[in-house]
Protein backbone atom coordinates (compact mmCIF):
# COMPACT_ATOMS: atom_id res chain seq x y z
CA MET A 1 -0.03 -0.03 -0.01
CA THR A 2 1.27 3.46 -0.85
CA ILE A 3 0.96 6.50 1.32
CA GLU A 4 -1.63 7.88 -1.15
CA GLN A 5 -3.59 4.59 -0.92
CA ALA A 6 -3.47 4.77 2.79
CA GLN A 7 -4.90 8.27 2.86
CA GLN A 8 -7.61 7.37 0.44
CA GLN A 9 -8.58 4.19 2.44
CA VAL A 10 -8.59 6.11 5.72
CA ASP A 11 -10.79 8.66 4.15
CA GLU A 12 -13.17 6.17 2.78
CA TRP A 13 -13.46 4.28 6.14
CA ILE A 14 -13.94 7.50 8.06
CA LYS A 15 -16.75 8.56 5.69
CA THR A 16 -18.56 5.24 5.85
CA VAL A 17 -17.79 3.37 9.01
CA GLY A 18 -16.63 6.34 11.12
CA VAL A 19 -19.53 8.73 10.02
CA ARG A 20 -17.23 11.65 9.93
CA TYR A 21 -13.77 12.95 11.09
CA PHE A 22 -13.35 14.22 14.57
CA ASN A 23 -12.43 17.85 14.48
CA GLU A 24 -8.64 18.58 14.16
CA LEU A 25 -8.08 19.54 17.70
CA THR A 26 -9.80 16.32 18.87
CA ASN A 27 -7.63 14.24 16.46
CA LEU A 28 -4.44 16.10 17.66
CA GLY A 29 -5.41 14.99 21.19
CA ILE A 30 -5.97 11.45 19.95
CA LEU A 31 -2.68 11.55 18.19
CA MET A 32 -0.96 12.46 21.51
CA GLU A 33 -2.71 9.71 23.30
CA GLU A 34 -1.78 7.10 20.84
CA THR A 35 1.79 8.38 20.77
CA GLY A 36 1.89 8.09 24.50
CA GLU A 37 0.57 4.44 24.31
CA LEU A 38 3.39 3.78 21.86
CA ALA A 39 6.02 5.44 24.13
CA ARG A 40 4.64 3.33 27.06
CA LEU A 41 5.15 0.09 25.33
CA MET A 42 8.59 1.14 23.89
CA VAL A 43 9.75 2.08 27.43
CA ARG A 44 8.75 -1.26 28.73
CA LYS A 45 10.12 -3.32 25.86
CA TYR A 46 13.39 -1.46 25.25
CA GLY A 47 13.82 0.62 28.42
CA GLU A 48 14.08 -0.23 32.08
CA GLN A 49 10.44 -0.21 33.11
CA SER A 50 8.80 -3.51 33.67
CA PHE A 51 5.65 -4.59 32.06
CA LYS A 52 2.31 -4.18 33.98
CA GLU A 53 -0.51 -6.59 33.60
CA SER A 54 -2.43 -3.89 31.53
CA ASP A 55 0.50 -3.83 28.97
CA LYS A 56 0.24 -7.52 28.17
CA GLY A 57 -0.94 -8.27 24.74
CA LYS A 58 -0.06 -4.87 23.29
CA GLU A 59 1.90 -5.03 20.02
CA LEU A 60 4.28 -2.40 18.86
CA ALA A 61 3.02 -2.64 15.23
CA ASP A 62 -0.44 -2.12 16.34
CA GLU A 63 0.48 1.00 18.44
CA MET A 64 2.43 2.41 15.60
CA ALA A 65 -0.43 1.84 13.12
CA ASP A 66 -2.63 3.66 15.48
CA VAL A 67 -0.28 6.64 15.45
CA LEU A 68 -0.10 6.57 11.71
CA TRP A 69 -3.91 6.22 11.33
CA VAL A 70 -4.58 9.35 13.29
CA LEU A 71 -1.62 11.22 11.53
CA ILE A 72 -3.26 10.28 8.22
CA CYS A 73 -6.72 11.57 9.47
CA LEU A 74 -5.01 15.00 10.29
CA ALA A 75 -3.34 15.03 6.93
CA ASN A 76 -6.54 14.38 5.19
CA GLN A 77 -8.35 17.03 7.22
CA THR A 78 -5.89 19.66 6.61
CA GLY A 79 -5.18 18.98 2.87
CA VAL A 80 -1.67 17.55 3.28
CA ASN A 81 -0.50 15.05 0.68
CA LEU A 82 1.83 12.93 2.82
CA THR A 83 3.57 11.47 -0.19
CA GLU A 84 4.60 14.98 -1.40
CA ALA A 85 5.32 16.23 2.17
CA LEU A 86 7.74 13.27 2.73
CA GLN A 87 9.43 13.67 -0.42
CA LYS A 88 10.05 17.36 0.37
CA ASN A 89 11.20 16.27 3.84
CA PHE A 90 13.84 13.95 2.26
CA GLU A 91 15.03 16.88 0.04
CA LYS A 92 15.29 19.17 3.12
CA LYS A 93 17.32 16.64 5.07
CA ASN A 94 19.52 15.67 2.00
CA ILE A 95 20.59 19.38 1.75
CA ARG A 96 20.64 20.31 5.45
CA ASP A 97 22.26 17.12 6.74
CA ALA A 98 24.44 16.12 3.77
CA THR A 99 27.49 15.74 6.09
CA ARG A 100 25.97 16.66 9.42
CA HIS A 101 25.72 13.05 10.74
CA ILE A 102 28.94 11.81 9.05
CA ASP A 103 30.87 14.54 10.76
CA ASN A 104 29.24 13.87 14.21
CA GLU A 105 31.91 12.41 16.35
CA LYS A 106 29.24 11.15 18.77
CA LEU A 107 27.89 8.72 16.04
CA SER A 108 31.40 7.22 15.32
């Protein structure tokens, strides 16, 4: 699935199953909630915190997909083409960071 197809499929799902988009600020809040859930799982899996009973059965892929879903909703609502945005972001990083990371002694 391409990013463009994902944007189209999310839009179709929202308009049929989801009835309508939540407003942009509500979706921003939901994005923060989903990001927090992903962070909680990452901290427990890769950090020093131990798992709680309520963390069991949670999957990183599912949490990441939740974050992506809401981000796609926000892109659709605000007219952002994520394919174009990502391409422009690569261009920006390729110019700005052409030697930045290679020259970073901390990464050696």
